[in-house]
């Protein structure tokens, strides 16, 4: 089967392609839209929603509640967002914010205490109680 995106994949962003009948025409964003993005936030879980709605959320990259993705402004994304308008929060932003990096904990773990190493310690209790086996043959 012939891939219709073969010629356009290298030169044009596939998100900016619109399909008219059987031909593919690259869509150029309007001058006021260039460099703008939608910040999409999944406000409600997709559990219990129809499968088509769930697949639309996944197509946008929204996997879990509270998840945020940035998408360029284009007709295809607008159509998907319209189908998810009750589930998704939308903001218009000028640039994509970098991912938040988790702050340092403020401490370093040097090692783990093995409770079986120091049996005399009151704080170190064994994970499982150590019991002698009662053999009936010994009695």
Protein backbone atom coordinates (compact mmCIF):
# COMPACT_ATOMS: atom_id res chain seq x y z
CA UNK A 1 0.00 0.00 0.00
CA UNK A 2 1.33 3.44 -0.93
CA UNK A 3 1.98 5.79 1.96
CA UNK A 4 0.35 9.14 1.12
CA UNK A 5 2.51 10.98 3.65
CA UNK A 6 5.82 9.85 2.12
CA UNK A 7 6.53 13.00 0.13
CA UNK A 8 5.28 15.46 2.72
CA UNK A 9 6.80 13.88 5.84
CA UNK A 10 10.25 15.33 5.35
CA UNK A 11 9.30 18.89 4.41
CA UNK A 12 6.05 19.66 6.25
CA UNK A 13 4.94 18.98 9.81
CA UNK A 14 2.26 16.22 9.59
CA UNK A 15 0.14 18.11 12.14
CA UNK A 16 -0.26 20.94 9.63
CA UNK A 17 -1.64 18.79 6.79
CA UNK A 18 -5.30 19.00 5.84
CA UNK A 19 -7.02 16.41 3.67
CA UNK A 20 -9.22 17.60 0.81
CA UNK A 21 -10.96 14.77 -1.11
CA UNK A 22 -8.05 12.55 -2.19
CA UNK A 23 -5.21 15.10 -2.18
CA UNK A 24 -3.09 16.34 0.68
CA UNK A 25 -2.52 20.06 0.94
CA UNK A 26 -0.15 21.50 3.54
CA UNK A 27 -1.92 24.07 5.71
CA UNK A 28 0.01 27.17 6.69
CA UNK A 29 -1.05 28.76 9.97
CA UNK A 30 -2.54 32.25 9.90
CA UNK A 31 -0.11 35.08 10.78
CA UNK A 32 -1.78 35.67 14.15
CA UNK A 33 -1.56 31.92 15.01
CA UNK A 34 2.12 31.41 14.24
CA UNK A 35 4.13 30.44 17.27
CA UNK A 36 1.04 29.95 19.45
CA UNK A 37 0.05 26.74 21.16
CA UNK A 38 -2.88 25.32 23.06
CA UNK A 39 -2.15 24.13 26.56
CA UNK A 40 -4.55 21.21 27.01
CA UNK A 41 -5.24 19.78 30.47
CA UNK A 42 -7.32 16.67 31.08
CA UNK A 43 -9.77 17.91 33.74
CA UNK A 44 -11.85 14.75 34.07
CA UNK A 45 -10.93 11.08 33.87
CA UNK A 46 -11.84 9.20 30.71
CA UNK A 47 -13.02 6.18 32.70
CA UNK A 48 -16.66 5.55 31.86
CA UNK A 49 -16.60 7.66 28.70
CA UNK A 50 -17.29 6.16 25.26
CA UNK A 51 -14.31 4.42 23.61
CA UNK A 52 -14.21 7.01 20.83
CA UNK A 53 -13.86 9.83 23.36
CA UNK A 54 -11.10 7.91 25.12
CA UNK A 55 -9.24 7.37 21.85
CA UNK A 56 -9.52 11.08 21.02
CA UNK A 57 -7.94 11.96 24.37
CA UNK A 58 -5.13 9.49 23.69
CA UNK A 59 -4.65 10.98 20.21
CA UNK A 60 -3.92 14.32 21.87
CA UNK A 61 -1.52 12.62 24.26
CA UNK A 62 -3.72 13.01 27.35
CA UNK A 63 -3.33 9.83 29.38
CA UNK A 64 -4.37 10.65 32.93
CA UNK A 65 -6.30 13.30 34.82
CA UNK A 66 -4.31 16.50 35.28
CA UNK A 67 -1.95 15.63 32.42
CA UNK A 68 -0.85 18.69 30.39
CA UNK A 69 0.17 18.68 26.71
CA UNK A 70 0.96 21.48 24.27
CA UNK A 71 -0.37 21.27 20.72
CA UNK A 72 -0.01 23.70 17.81
CA UNK A 73 -3.10 25.56 16.65
CA UNK A 74 -4.55 23.77 13.63
CA UNK A 75 -7.92 22.55 12.38
CA UNK A 76 -7.30 18.89 13.16
CA UNK A 77 -6.45 19.55 16.78
CA UNK A 78 -9.40 21.95 17.05
CA UNK A 79 -11.77 19.21 15.85
CA UNK A 80 -10.49 16.76 18.44
CA UNK A 81 -10.66 19.39 21.19
CA UNK A 82 -14.27 20.14 20.24
CA UNK A 83 -15.13 16.47 20.82
CA UNK A 84 -13.50 16.66 24.26
CA UNK A 85 -14.73 20.11 25.29
CA UNK A 86 -16.35 18.88 28.54
CA UNK A 87 -13.28 16.90 29.59
CA UNK A 88 -10.39 19.20 28.59
CA UNK A 89 -9.26 22.61 29.84
CA UNK A 90 -7.76 24.90 27.17
CA UNK A 91 -5.39 27.85 27.44
CA UNK A 92 -3.74 29.80 24.62
CA UNK A 93 0.01 30.21 25.23
CA UNK A 94 2.84 31.77 23.25
CA UNK A 95 5.45 29.16 24.01
CA UNK A 96 5.77 25.64 25.37
CA UNK A 97 6.82 25.61 29.02
CA UNK A 98 9.63 23.20 29.84
CA UNK A 99 8.84 20.11 31.88
CA UNK A 100 9.01 20.63 35.62
CA UNK A 101 12.03 18.94 37.13
CA UNK A 102 11.55 17.40 40.53
CA UNK A 103 13.40 19.23 43.30
CA UNK A 104 16.12 17.48 45.25
CA UNK A 105 14.99 15.70 48.40
CA UNK A 106 17.57 17.45 50.58
CA UNK A 107 19.21 14.22 51.73
CA UNK A 108 21.23 11.35 50.28
CA UNK A 109 20.61 7.68 51.02
CA UNK A 110 23.95 6.19 51.99
CA UNK A 111 22.70 2.67 52.57
CA UNK A 112 19.83 0.62 53.90
CA UNK A 113 19.76 -0.89 57.35
CA UNK A 114 19.41 -4.65 57.36
CA UNK A 115 17.55 -5.55 60.55
CA UNK A 116 19.09 -9.04 60.70
CA UNK A 117 22.63 -7.65 60.96
CA UNK A 118 22.29 -6.16 64.45
CA UNK A 119 20.09 -8.60 66.38
CA UNK A 120 20.80 -6.96 69.77
CA UNK A 121 19.38 -3.60 68.71
CA UNK A 122 15.90 -2.75 69.99
CA UNK A 123 15.15 -0.57 66.95
CA UNK A 124 16.12 -3.26 64.46
CA UNK A 125 13.32 -5.78 64.46
CA UNK A 126 13.45 -8.66 62.00
CA UNK A 127 11.16 -8.49 59.01
CA UNK A 128 9.78 -11.95 59.74
CA UNK A 129 9.92 -13.50 63.19
CA UNK A 130 12.74 -16.00 63.48
CA UNK A 131 11.30 -19.14 65.05
CA UNK A 132 12.84 -22.47 65.73
CA UNK A 133 11.31 -25.24 63.78
CA UNK A 134 9.43 -27.72 65.89
CA UNK A 135 10.21 -31.12 64.52
CA UNK A 136 7.94 -33.86 65.76
CA UNK A 137 10.76 -36.35 65.33
CA UNK A 138 12.82 -34.65 68.09
CA UNK A 139 10.18 -35.31 70.75
